[in-house]
């Protein structure tokens, strides 16, 4: 019996057993993972296209100055952070941004750029069930997005970004 099978058996027993009671699981009872995660499995074309579409909504929305497009790509409560390092108030300083600030900066045209100057990419790095990691790059920044699938829609839940030197 694999470790995964034993771990799942234990989790199922714990979840379905009242506190204080115990229900033994027979070693011969196989419990399989519903969706095995295998990093060598290629991402389905439709999943890749949906993830890239969300990434480009965010990136292109910023470059176009289209706040609705940026908002559409973001979870209502995203966490966007940039590593600052040591700053006066924190040893492990982070720049934190929320949805409202990201949408407002887009509305102000903070990254608005003529289309002929766009040089951007979105690369799907990994997918496991309803979560994914995606890398976005422009001449100004690199973002690593954590995306979640909600129904049939992928949206950005978390982002860690690096501001390139100008």
N, C-alpha and C. Protein backbone atom coordinates (compact mmCIF):
# COMPACT_ATOMS: atom_id res chain seq x y z
N UNK A 1 0.86 -1.17 0.00
CA UNK A 1 0.00 0.00 0.00
C UNK A 1 0.90 1.23 0.00
N UNK A 2 0.60 2.18 -0.86
CA UNK A 2 1.45 3.37 -0.97
C UNK A 2 1.22 4.31 0.21
N UNK A 3 2.17 5.22 0.42
CA UNK A 3 2.01 6.22 1.47
C UNK A 3 0.82 7.11 1.20
N UNK A 4 0.59 7.44 -0.08
CA UNK A 4 -0.56 8.27 -0.43
C UNK A 4 -1.85 7.57 -0.07
N UNK A 5 -1.95 6.27 -0.35
CA UNK A 5 -3.15 5.51 -0.03
C UNK A 5 -3.36 5.49 1.48
N UNK A 6 -2.29 5.26 2.25
CA UNK A 6 -2.42 5.26 3.71
C UNK A 6 -2.82 6.62 4.24
N UNK A 7 -2.22 7.69 3.72
CA UNK A 7 -2.54 9.04 4.17
C UNK A 7 -4.00 9.37 3.88
N UNK A 8 -4.46 9.01 2.68
CA UNK A 8 -5.85 9.28 2.32
C UNK A 8 -6.79 8.45 3.19
N UNK A 9 -6.43 7.21 3.46
CA UNK A 9 -7.26 6.37 4.31
C UNK A 9 -7.39 6.98 5.69
N UNK A 10 -6.29 7.46 6.22
CA UNK A 10 -6.30 8.10 7.54
C UNK A 10 -7.15 9.36 7.53
N UNK A 11 -7.02 10.18 6.48
CA UNK A 11 -7.79 11.41 6.37
C UNK A 11 -9.28 11.12 6.29
N UNK A 12 -9.66 10.12 5.50
CA UNK A 12 -11.07 9.76 5.36
C UNK A 12 -11.59 9.25 6.70
N UNK A 13 -10.83 8.42 7.38
CA UNK A 13 -11.26 7.89 8.67
C UNK A 13 -11.43 9.01 9.68
N UNK A 14 -10.51 9.94 9.70
CA UNK A 14 -10.57 11.06 10.64
C UNK A 14 -11.76 11.95 10.34
N UNK A 15 -11.99 12.24 9.07
CA UNK A 15 -13.08 13.14 8.69
C UNK A 15 -14.45 12.54 8.96
N UNK A 16 -14.58 11.22 8.88
CA UNK A 16 -15.89 10.60 9.04
C UNK A 16 -16.09 9.99 10.42
N UNK A 17 -15.15 10.14 11.32
CA UNK A 17 -15.24 9.56 12.65
C UNK A 17 -15.53 10.66 13.66
N UNK A 18 -16.55 10.48 14.51
CA UNK A 18 -16.81 11.48 15.55
C UNK A 18 -15.60 11.62 16.47
N UNK A 19 -15.44 12.80 17.05
CA UNK A 19 -14.33 13.04 17.96
C UNK A 19 -14.42 12.06 19.13
N UNK A 20 -13.30 11.45 19.45
CA UNK A 20 -13.25 10.51 20.55
C UNK A 20 -13.50 9.07 20.13
N UNK A 21 -14.05 8.83 18.93
CA UNK A 21 -14.29 7.48 18.45
C UNK A 21 -13.18 7.11 17.49
N UNK A 22 -13.04 5.81 17.25
CA UNK A 22 -12.04 5.40 16.26
C UNK A 22 -12.63 4.30 15.40
N UNK A 23 -12.37 4.40 14.13
CA UNK A 23 -12.81 3.39 13.18
C UNK A 23 -11.59 2.89 12.46
N UNK A 24 -11.22 1.63 12.67
CA UNK A 24 -10.03 1.13 11.98
C UNK A 24 -10.28 1.00 10.49
N UNK A 25 -9.25 1.26 9.71
CA UNK A 25 -9.30 1.09 8.26
C UNK A 25 -8.51 -0.18 7.95
N UNK A 26 -9.13 -1.06 7.23
CA UNK A 26 -8.45 -2.28 6.85
C UNK A 26 -7.32 -1.95 5.88
N UNK A 27 -6.19 -2.58 6.04
CA UNK A 27 -5.04 -2.36 5.16
C UNK A 27 -5.36 -2.76 3.73
N UNK A 28 -6.36 -3.60 3.55
CA UNK A 28 -6.69 -4.05 2.20
C UNK A 28 -7.68 -3.12 1.50
N UNK A 29 -8.16 -2.06 2.19
CA UNK A 29 -9.12 -1.14 1.61
C UNK A 29 -8.38 -0.08 0.79
N UNK A 30 -8.41 -0.18 -0.54
CA UNK A 30 -7.67 0.80 -1.33
C UNK A 30 -8.44 2.12 -1.43
N UNK A 31 -7.76 3.20 -1.20
CA UNK A 31 -8.32 4.53 -1.39
C UNK A 31 -7.37 5.25 -2.32
N UNK A 32 -7.85 5.59 -3.47
CA UNK A 32 -7.00 6.21 -4.48
C UNK A 32 -7.26 7.71 -4.55
N UNK A 33 -6.25 8.46 -4.91
CA UNK A 33 -6.40 9.89 -5.15
C UNK A 33 -7.29 10.08 -6.36
N UNK A 34 -8.21 11.03 -6.29
CA UNK A 34 -9.13 11.23 -7.39
C UNK A 34 -8.44 11.81 -8.62
N UNK A 35 -7.45 12.66 -8.43
CA UNK A 35 -6.73 13.26 -9.54
C UNK A 35 -5.25 13.24 -9.22
N UNK A 36 -4.54 12.20 -9.67
CA UNK A 36 -3.11 12.17 -9.38
C UNK A 36 -2.40 13.36 -10.03
N UNK A 37 -1.44 13.93 -9.31
CA UNK A 37 -0.68 15.05 -9.84
C UNK A 37 0.61 14.51 -10.42
N UNK A 38 0.81 14.75 -11.68
CA UNK A 38 1.99 14.27 -12.37
C UNK A 38 2.55 15.44 -13.17
N UNK A 39 3.68 15.98 -12.73
CA UNK A 39 4.27 17.16 -13.37
C UNK A 39 4.64 16.92 -14.82
N UNK A 40 4.76 15.65 -15.22
CA UNK A 40 5.14 15.38 -16.61
C UNK A 40 3.93 15.40 -17.55
N UNK A 41 2.72 15.47 -17.00
CA UNK A 41 1.52 15.49 -17.82
C UNK A 41 1.39 16.87 -18.46
N UNK A 42 1.26 16.93 -19.77
CA UNK A 42 1.13 18.24 -20.42
C UNK A 42 -0.20 18.90 -20.06
N UNK A 43 -0.19 20.22 -20.06
CA UNK A 43 -1.39 20.99 -19.78
C UNK A 43 -2.29 20.94 -21.02
N UNK A 44 -3.57 20.67 -20.81
CA UNK A 44 -4.52 20.61 -21.91
C UNK A 44 -4.55 21.96 -22.64
N UNK A 45 -4.70 21.93 -23.94
CA UNK A 45 -4.66 23.14 -24.76
C UNK A 45 -5.71 24.16 -24.32
N UNK A 46 -6.92 23.70 -24.00
CA UNK A 46 -7.97 24.65 -23.61
C UNK A 46 -7.66 25.28 -22.25
N UNK A 47 -7.05 24.51 -21.35
CA UNK A 47 -6.66 25.06 -20.04
C UNK A 47 -5.54 26.08 -20.23
N UNK A 48 -4.54 25.75 -21.03
CA UNK A 48 -3.44 26.68 -21.31
C UNK A 48 -3.99 27.98 -21.91
N UNK A 49 -4.89 27.87 -22.87
CA UNK A 49 -5.47 29.05 -23.53
C UNK A 49 -6.24 29.91 -22.52
N UNK A 50 -6.99 29.28 -21.62
CA UNK A 50 -7.75 30.04 -20.63
C UNK A 50 -6.82 30.75 -19.65
N UNK A 51 -5.76 30.08 -19.21
CA UNK A 51 -4.79 30.70 -18.30
C UNK A 51 -4.08 31.87 -18.98
N UNK A 52 -3.67 31.68 -20.22
CA UNK A 52 -3.00 32.75 -20.96
C UNK A 52 -3.95 33.92 -21.19
N UNK A 53 -5.22 33.63 -21.45
CA UNK A 53 -6.21 34.71 -21.67
C UNK A 53 -6.33 35.57 -20.41
N UNK A 54 -6.38 34.94 -19.24
CA UNK A 54 -6.45 35.71 -17.98
C UNK A 54 -5.19 36.53 -17.79
N UNK A 55 -4.04 35.93 -18.03
CA UNK A 55 -2.77 36.63 -17.89
C UNK A 55 -2.72 37.85 -18.83
N UNK A 56 -3.11 37.64 -20.08
CA UNK A 56 -3.08 38.76 -21.04
C UNK A 56 -4.15 39.80 -20.72
N UNK A 57 -5.29 39.40 -20.15
CA UNK A 57 -6.27 40.40 -19.70
C UNK A 57 -5.61 41.34 -18.71
N UNK A 58 -4.86 40.78 -17.78
CA UNK A 58 -4.21 41.60 -16.76
C UNK A 58 -3.11 42.47 -17.37
N UNK A 59 -2.19 41.85 -18.10
CA UNK A 59 -1.04 42.58 -18.66
C UNK A 59 -1.51 43.59 -19.71
N UNK A 60 -2.29 43.14 -20.68
CA UNK A 60 -2.74 44.04 -21.75
C UNK A 60 -3.67 45.12 -21.21
N UNK A 61 -4.47 44.76 -20.19
CA UNK A 61 -5.32 45.76 -19.56
C UNK A 61 -4.50 46.89 -18.97
N UNK A 62 -3.38 46.55 -18.33
CA UNK A 62 -2.50 47.60 -17.80
C UNK A 62 -1.88 48.42 -18.92
N UNK A 63 -1.40 47.74 -19.97
CA UNK A 63 -0.73 48.44 -21.07
C UNK A 63 -1.71 49.30 -21.87
N UNK A 64 -2.97 48.90 -21.93
CA UNK A 64 -4.01 49.68 -22.62
C UNK A 64 -4.60 50.76 -21.73
N UNK A 65 -4.41 50.63 -20.42
CA UNK A 65 -5.06 51.54 -19.48
C UNK A 65 -6.54 51.21 -19.35
N UNK A 66 -6.89 49.92 -19.38
CA UNK A 66 -8.28 49.45 -19.32
C UNK A 66 -8.55 48.82 -17.96
N UNK A 67 -9.08 49.59 -17.00
CA UNK A 67 -9.28 49.07 -15.65
C UNK A 67 -10.28 47.91 -15.58
N UNK A 68 -11.27 47.89 -16.44
CA UNK A 68 -12.26 46.80 -16.43
C UNK A 68 -11.59 45.47 -16.80
N UNK A 69 -10.67 45.52 -17.73
CA UNK A 69 -9.97 44.31 -18.15
C UNK A 69 -9.06 43.78 -17.03
N UNK A 70 -8.38 44.68 -16.34
CA UNK A 70 -7.54 44.28 -15.22
C UNK A 70 -8.41 43.69 -14.10
N UNK A 71 -9.50 44.36 -13.77
CA UNK A 71 -10.40 43.89 -12.71
C UNK A 71 -10.95 42.51 -13.03
N UNK A 72 -11.28 42.25 -14.29
CA UNK A 72 -11.83 40.96 -14.71
C UNK A 72 -10.84 39.82 -14.44
N UNK A 73 -9.55 40.11 -14.51
CA UNK A 73 -8.52 39.07 -14.33
C UNK A 73 -8.23 38.77 -12.86
N UNK A 74 -8.68 39.63 -11.95
CA UNK A 74 -8.30 39.53 -10.53
C UNK A 74 -9.42 38.98 -9.66
N UNK A 75 -9.03 38.16 -8.69
CA UNK A 75 -9.93 37.73 -7.63
C UNK A 75 -10.35 38.98 -6.85
N UNK A 76 -11.52 38.98 -6.22
CA UNK A 76 -11.91 40.17 -5.43
C UNK A 76 -10.94 40.49 -4.29
N UNK A 77 -10.18 39.50 -3.81
CA UNK A 77 -9.25 39.73 -2.70
C UNK A 77 -7.87 39.17 -3.04
N UNK A 78 -7.23 39.72 -4.07
CA UNK A 78 -5.91 39.18 -4.43
C UNK A 78 -4.82 39.72 -3.50
N UNK A 79 -3.72 39.00 -3.46
CA UNK A 79 -2.54 39.46 -2.72
C UNK A 79 -1.43 39.64 -3.75
N UNK A 80 -1.06 40.90 -4.02
CA UNK A 80 0.06 41.18 -4.92
C UNK A 80 1.17 41.78 -4.09
N UNK A 81 2.35 41.19 -4.21
CA UNK A 81 3.46 41.62 -3.37
C UNK A 81 4.74 41.74 -4.18
N UNK A 82 5.61 42.64 -3.70
CA UNK A 82 6.94 42.82 -4.27
C UNK A 82 7.93 42.77 -3.12
N UNK A 83 9.01 42.03 -3.29
CA UNK A 83 10.04 41.94 -2.25
C UNK A 83 10.84 43.23 -2.25
N UNK A 84 10.88 43.89 -1.09
CA UNK A 84 11.68 45.11 -0.93
C UNK A 84 12.98 44.84 -0.19
N UNK A 85 13.00 43.80 0.63
CA UNK A 85 14.17 43.54 1.46
C UNK A 85 14.08 44.36 2.73
N UNK A 86 15.23 44.73 3.27
CA UNK A 86 15.23 45.47 4.52
C UNK A 86 14.85 46.93 4.27
N UNK A 87 13.86 47.38 4.98
CA UNK A 87 13.39 48.76 4.93
C UNK A 87 13.30 49.26 6.37
N UNK A 88 13.14 50.56 6.59
CA UNK A 88 13.15 51.08 7.96
C UNK A 88 12.19 50.38 8.93
N UNK A 89 11.02 49.99 8.49
CA UNK A 89 10.04 49.40 9.40
C UNK A 89 10.02 47.88 9.41
N UNK A 90 10.68 47.25 8.46
CA UNK A 90 10.63 45.80 8.35
C UNK A 90 11.97 45.25 7.88
N UNK A 91 12.35 44.13 8.44
CA UNK A 91 13.55 43.46 7.97
C UNK A 91 13.27 42.71 6.66
N UNK A 92 12.09 42.15 6.56
CA UNK A 92 11.67 41.41 5.37
C UNK A 92 10.55 42.18 4.70
N UNK A 93 10.88 43.35 4.18
CA UNK A 93 9.88 44.26 3.66
C UNK A 93 9.22 43.79 2.37
N UNK A 94 7.92 44.01 2.31
CA UNK A 94 7.13 43.71 1.12
C UNK A 94 6.31 44.93 0.73
N UNK A 95 6.17 45.17 -0.56
CA UNK A 95 5.22 46.15 -1.08
C UNK A 95 3.95 45.38 -1.33
N UNK A 96 2.85 45.78 -0.72
CA UNK A 96 1.58 45.07 -0.83
C UNK A 96 0.59 45.89 -1.63
N UNK A 97 -0.10 45.21 -2.53
CA UNK A 97 -1.12 45.88 -3.35
C UNK A 97 -2.37 45.01 -3.39
N UNK A 98 -3.52 45.67 -3.38
CA UNK A 98 -4.80 44.98 -3.49
C UNK A 98 -5.46 45.31 -4.81
N UNK A 99 -6.61 44.73 -5.03
CA UNK A 99 -7.36 44.90 -6.28
C UNK A 99 -7.68 46.37 -6.57
N UNK A 100 -8.16 47.07 -5.55
CA UNK A 100 -8.57 48.47 -5.76
C UNK A 100 -7.39 49.32 -6.24
N UNK A 101 -6.23 49.13 -5.61
CA UNK A 101 -5.06 49.91 -6.01
C UNK A 101 -4.61 49.55 -7.42
N UNK A 102 -4.62 48.27 -7.76
CA UNK A 102 -4.21 47.85 -9.10
C UNK A 102 -5.14 48.41 -10.17
N UNK A 103 -6.43 48.37 -9.90
CA UNK A 103 -7.41 48.90 -10.86
C UNK A 103 -7.27 50.42 -10.97
N UNK A 104 -7.06 51.10 -9.84
CA UNK A 104 -6.92 52.56 -9.86
C UNK A 104 -5.64 52.99 -10.59
N UNK A 105 -4.53 52.30 -10.38
CA UNK A 105 -3.30 52.62 -11.11
C UNK A 105 -3.50 52.43 -12.62
N UNK A 106 -4.26 51.41 -12.98
CA UNK A 106 -4.56 51.20 -14.40
C UNK A 106 -5.41 52.35 -14.93
N UNK A 107 -6.42 52.75 -14.15
CA UNK A 107 -7.29 53.87 -14.55
C UNK A 107 -6.45 55.14 -14.76
N UNK A 108 -5.43 55.32 -13.93
CA UNK A 108 -4.55 56.49 -14.04
C UNK A 108 -3.55 56.37 -15.20
N UNK A 109 -3.47 55.18 -15.80
CA UNK A 109 -2.56 54.98 -16.92
C UNK A 109 -1.11 54.78 -16.51
N UNK A 110 -0.87 54.24 -15.32
CA UNK A 110 0.49 54.09 -14.79
C UNK A 110 1.41 53.32 -15.74
N UNK A 111 0.90 52.33 -16.44
CA UNK A 111 1.72 51.54 -17.37
C UNK A 111 1.22 51.63 -18.81
N UNK A 112 0.36 52.59 -19.08
CA UNK A 112 -0.19 52.72 -20.43
C UNK A 112 0.94 52.94 -21.43
N UNK A 113 0.91 52.13 -22.49
CA UNK A 113 2.01 52.09 -23.45
C UNK A 113 1.45 51.96 -24.86
N UNK A 114 1.98 52.70 -25.84
CA UNK A 114 1.53 52.50 -27.23
C UNK A 114 1.74 51.04 -27.66
N UNK A 115 0.76 50.48 -28.35
CA UNK A 115 0.77 49.06 -28.69
C UNK A 115 2.03 48.64 -29.45
N UNK A 116 2.56 49.49 -30.29
CA UNK A 116 3.76 49.12 -31.05
C UNK A 116 4.99 48.93 -30.16
N UNK A 117 4.90 49.36 -28.90
CA UNK A 117 6.01 49.19 -27.96
C UNK A 117 5.81 48.00 -27.01
N UNK A 118 4.69 47.30 -27.17
CA UNK A 118 4.43 46.17 -26.28
C UNK A 118 5.41 45.04 -26.57
N UNK A 119 5.95 44.51 -25.54
CA UNK A 119 6.81 43.33 -25.60
C UNK A 119 6.47 42.55 -24.34
N UNK A 120 5.56 41.61 -24.45
CA UNK A 120 5.08 40.93 -23.27
C UNK A 120 4.86 39.45 -23.56
N UNK A 121 4.89 38.65 -22.48
CA UNK A 121 4.65 37.21 -22.63
C UNK A 121 3.92 36.70 -21.40
N UNK A 122 3.21 35.60 -21.59
CA UNK A 122 2.55 34.86 -20.52
C UNK A 122 2.88 33.39 -20.72
N UNK A 123 3.45 32.76 -19.70
CA UNK A 123 3.88 31.37 -19.79
C UNK A 123 3.27 30.56 -18.66
N UNK A 124 2.53 29.51 -19.02
CA UNK A 124 1.97 28.62 -18.02
C UNK A 124 3.09 27.73 -17.51
N UNK A 125 3.33 27.77 -16.20
CA UNK A 125 4.42 27.00 -15.60
C UNK A 125 3.96 25.64 -15.07
N UNK A 126 2.78 25.60 -14.48
CA UNK A 126 2.30 24.35 -13.89
C UNK A 126 0.82 24.46 -13.60
N UNK A 127 0.14 23.32 -13.66
CA UNK A 127 -1.28 23.22 -13.33
C UNK A 127 -1.49 21.96 -12.51
N UNK A 128 -2.26 22.09 -11.43
CA UNK A 128 -2.63 20.94 -10.60
C UNK A 128 -4.10 21.12 -10.23
N UNK A 129 -4.97 20.37 -10.86
CA UNK A 129 -6.40 20.48 -10.56
C UNK A 129 -6.91 21.87 -10.87
N UNK A 130 -7.39 22.59 -9.84
CA UNK A 130 -7.96 23.92 -10.06
C UNK A 130 -7.03 25.06 -9.66
N UNK A 131 -5.71 24.80 -9.63
CA UNK A 131 -4.73 25.85 -9.37
C UNK A 131 -3.64 25.82 -10.44
N UNK A 132 -3.02 26.97 -10.65
CA UNK A 132 -1.97 27.06 -11.67
C UNK A 132 -0.97 28.15 -11.30
N UNK A 133 0.24 28.02 -11.85
CA UNK A 133 1.29 29.03 -11.73
C UNK A 133 1.60 29.54 -13.13
N UNK A 134 1.60 30.86 -13.30
CA UNK A 134 1.80 31.48 -14.61
C UNK A 134 2.79 32.63 -14.46
N UNK A 135 3.70 32.77 -15.43
CA UNK A 135 4.70 33.84 -15.42
C UNK A 135 4.34 34.86 -16.50
N UNK A 136 4.29 36.13 -16.10
CA UNK A 136 4.06 37.23 -17.04
C UNK A 136 5.30 38.11 -17.07
N UNK A 137 5.65 38.60 -18.27
CA UNK A 137 6.81 39.49 -18.36
C UNK A 137 6.55 40.60 -19.36
N UNK A 138 6.97 41.80 -18.97
CA UNK A 138 6.98 42.97 -19.84
C UNK A 138 8.36 43.61 -19.68
N UNK A 139 8.64 44.70 -20.43
CA UNK A 139 9.92 45.37 -20.22
C UNK A 139 10.08 45.98 -18.82
N UNK A 140 8.97 46.14 -18.08
CA UNK A 140 9.01 46.81 -16.79
C UNK A 140 8.94 45.86 -15.60
N UNK A 141 8.34 44.69 -15.76
CA UNK A 141 8.16 43.82 -14.60
C UNK A 141 8.05 42.36 -15.01
N UNK A 142 8.24 41.50 -13.99
CA UNK A 142 7.97 40.06 -14.09
C UNK A 142 7.01 39.75 -12.96
N UNK A 143 5.92 39.06 -13.26
CA UNK A 143 4.95 38.62 -12.26
C UNK A 143 4.90 37.10 -12.27
N UNK A 144 4.83 36.51 -11.09
CA UNK A 144 4.51 35.10 -10.96
C UNK A 144 3.12 35.05 -10.34
N UNK A 145 2.16 34.57 -11.12
CA UNK A 145 0.77 34.51 -10.67
C UNK A 145 0.42 33.12 -10.14
N UNK A 146 -0.35 33.09 -9.08
CA UNK A 146 -1.06 31.89 -8.67
C UNK A 146 -2.50 32.14 -9.11
N UNK A 147 -3.00 31.26 -9.94
CA UNK A 147 -4.38 31.40 -10.42
C UNK A 147 -5.22 30.27 -9.89
N UNK A 148 -6.51 30.55 -9.73
CA UNK A 148 -7.46 29.54 -9.31
C UNK A 148 -8.58 29.46 -10.33
N UNK A 149 -9.10 28.25 -10.50
CA UNK A 149 -10.26 28.07 -11.40
C UNK A 149 -11.51 28.06 -10.54
N UNK A 150 -12.39 28.98 -10.84
CA UNK A 150 -13.68 29.11 -10.17
C UNK A 150 -14.74 28.86 -11.22
N UNK A 151 -15.38 27.69 -11.16
CA UNK A 151 -16.30 27.30 -12.22
C UNK A 151 -15.48 27.06 -13.48
N UNK A 152 -15.81 27.78 -14.54
CA UNK A 152 -15.04 27.63 -15.79
C UNK A 152 -14.10 28.80 -16.02
N UNK A 153 -13.84 29.59 -14.99
CA UNK A 153 -13.05 30.81 -15.13
C UNK A 153 -11.78 30.76 -14.28
N UNK A 154 -10.64 31.08 -14.88
CA UNK A 154 -9.36 31.20 -14.18
C UNK A 154 -9.16 32.66 -13.82
N UNK A 155 -8.78 32.93 -12.56
CA UNK A 155 -8.48 34.30 -12.15
C UNK A 155 -7.24 34.33 -11.26
N UNK A 156 -6.62 35.50 -11.21
CA UNK A 156 -5.39 35.70 -10.43
C UNK A 156 -5.77 35.86 -8.96
N UNK A 157 -5.20 34.99 -8.12
CA UNK A 157 -5.45 35.02 -6.68
C UNK A 157 -4.28 35.68 -5.95
N UNK A 158 -3.06 35.34 -6.36
CA UNK A 158 -1.84 35.88 -5.76
C UNK A 158 -0.85 36.26 -6.85
N UNK A 159 0.00 37.22 -6.55
CA UNK A 159 1.07 37.58 -7.48
C UNK A 159 2.28 38.06 -6.69
N UNK A 160 3.44 37.59 -7.11
CA UNK A 160 4.71 38.09 -6.59
C UNK A 160 5.41 38.71 -7.78
N UNK A 161 5.80 39.99 -7.66
CA UNK A 161 6.36 40.66 -8.83
C UNK A 161 7.72 41.28 -8.56
N UNK A 162 8.44 41.41 -9.67
CA UNK A 162 9.78 41.99 -9.67
C UNK A 162 9.76 43.17 -10.64
N UNK A 163 10.17 44.32 -10.15
CA UNK A 163 10.25 45.51 -11.00
C UNK A 163 11.65 45.55 -11.61
N UNK A 164 11.71 45.52 -12.93
CA UNK A 164 13.00 45.55 -13.62
C UNK A 164 13.62 46.94 -13.51
N UNK A 165 14.95 47.00 -13.47
CA UNK A 165 15.61 48.31 -13.47
C UNK A 165 15.30 49.06 -14.75
N UNK A 166 15.16 50.37 -14.62
CA UNK A 166 14.86 51.17 -15.83
C UNK A 166 16.09 51.87 -16.33
